[in-house]
């Protein structure tokens, strides 16, 4: 599992699409992206990342399960891309 959170954040944002992101937040276990077009996201590619345990869509959002430490550190890095 990668500890380079900047690389992980960049991989995630590349899959989701920086121009596709309306907002990103998190709870204790999930990154929560509100996106313009969920169909633009390759969920299989997202789930292929070792750090992503699962991913699912809810209306216009996509939620990805990460370990808590990863989540906190990755969220900090994601904000630098958005």
Protein backbone atom coordinates (compact mmCIF):
# COMPACT_ATOMS: atom_id res chain seq x y z
CA UNK A 1 0.00 0.00 0.00
CA UNK A 2 1.38 3.36 -1.03
CA UNK A 3 2.28 5.96 1.54
CA UNK A 4 2.78 8.62 -1.10
CA UNK A 5 -0.55 10.36 -0.66
CA UNK A 6 0.15 12.93 -3.35
CA UNK A 7 0.58 10.15 -5.93
CA UNK A 8 -2.59 8.41 -4.72
CA UNK A 9 -4.57 11.65 -4.82
CA UNK A 10 -3.34 12.35 -8.36
CA UNK A 11 -4.34 8.85 -9.50
CA UNK A 12 -7.81 9.26 -8.03
CA UNK A 13 -8.34 12.73 -9.49
CA UNK A 14 -7.13 11.53 -12.89
CA UNK A 15 -9.72 8.75 -12.83
CA UNK A 16 -12.56 10.95 -11.55
CA UNK A 17 -11.56 13.90 -13.74
CA UNK A 18 -10.61 17.25 -12.25
CA UNK A 19 -13.15 19.06 -14.46
CA UNK A 20 -15.81 16.53 -13.44
CA UNK A 21 -15.56 17.30 -9.70
CA UNK A 22 -18.15 19.62 -8.17
CA UNK A 23 -17.01 18.94 -4.60
CA UNK A 24 -15.18 16.39 -2.49
CA UNK A 25 -15.67 15.63 1.18
CA UNK A 26 -15.17 12.63 3.40
CA UNK A 27 -16.60 10.78 6.34
CA UNK A 28 -14.58 8.41 8.52
CA UNK A 29 -14.26 5.74 5.85
CA UNK A 30 -15.11 7.21 2.45
CA UNK A 31 -14.13 9.90 0.02
CA UNK A 32 -17.30 11.47 -1.33
CA UNK A 33 -17.15 13.12 -4.72
CA UNK A 34 -20.10 15.04 -6.12
CA UNK A 35 -19.51 14.96 -9.86
CA UNK A 36 -21.04 16.52 -12.95
CA UNK A 37 -21.21 13.23 -14.85
CA UNK A 38 -20.80 9.92 -12.97
CA UNK A 39 -20.62 8.07 -16.31
CA UNK A 40 -17.22 9.67 -17.00
CA UNK A 41 -15.67 7.76 -14.09
CA UNK A 42 -14.03 4.40 -14.72
CA UNK A 43 -15.07 2.69 -11.49
CA UNK A 44 -13.07 -0.43 -12.36
CA UNK A 45 -9.90 1.68 -12.63
CA UNK A 46 -10.71 3.31 -9.31
CA UNK A 47 -11.19 -0.07 -7.62
CA UNK A 48 -7.95 -1.36 -9.21
CA UNK A 49 -6.03 1.03 -6.94
CA UNK A 50 -4.69 -1.02 -4.02
CA UNK A 51 -5.81 1.61 -1.52
CA UNK A 52 -9.44 1.67 -2.71
CA UNK A 53 -11.43 -1.13 -1.13
CA UNK A 54 -14.70 -0.47 -2.96
CA UNK A 55 -16.45 2.25 -4.88
CA UNK A 56 -20.11 2.93 -5.53
CA UNK A 57 -22.39 5.62 -6.91
CA UNK A 58 -25.26 7.37 -5.19
CA UNK A 59 -27.17 9.76 -7.46
CA UNK A 60 -24.58 12.29 -8.66
CA UNK A 61 -21.84 11.20 -6.29
CA UNK A 62 -19.25 8.48 -6.12
CA UNK A 63 -17.99 7.15 -2.82
CA UNK A 64 -14.78 5.23 -2.37
CA UNK A 65 -13.79 3.29 0.73
CA UNK A 66 -10.21 3.86 1.90
CA UNK A 67 -8.43 3.13 5.15
CA UNK A 68 -8.87 5.98 7.67
CA UNK A 69 -5.23 7.11 7.71
CA UNK A 70 -5.13 7.07 3.93
CA UNK A 71 -8.38 8.95 3.76
CA UNK A 72 -7.22 11.84 5.90
CA UNK A 73 -3.87 12.21 4.15
CA UNK A 74 -5.30 11.70 0.68
CA UNK A 75 -8.05 14.27 1.26
CA UNK A 76 -5.42 16.88 2.09
CA UNK A 77 -3.65 16.15 -1.18
CA UNK A 78 -6.88 16.03 -3.23
CA UNK A 79 -7.72 19.57 -2.20
CA UNK A 80 -4.51 20.75 -3.88
CA UNK A 81 -5.82 19.48 -7.24
CA UNK A 82 -9.32 20.89 -7.06
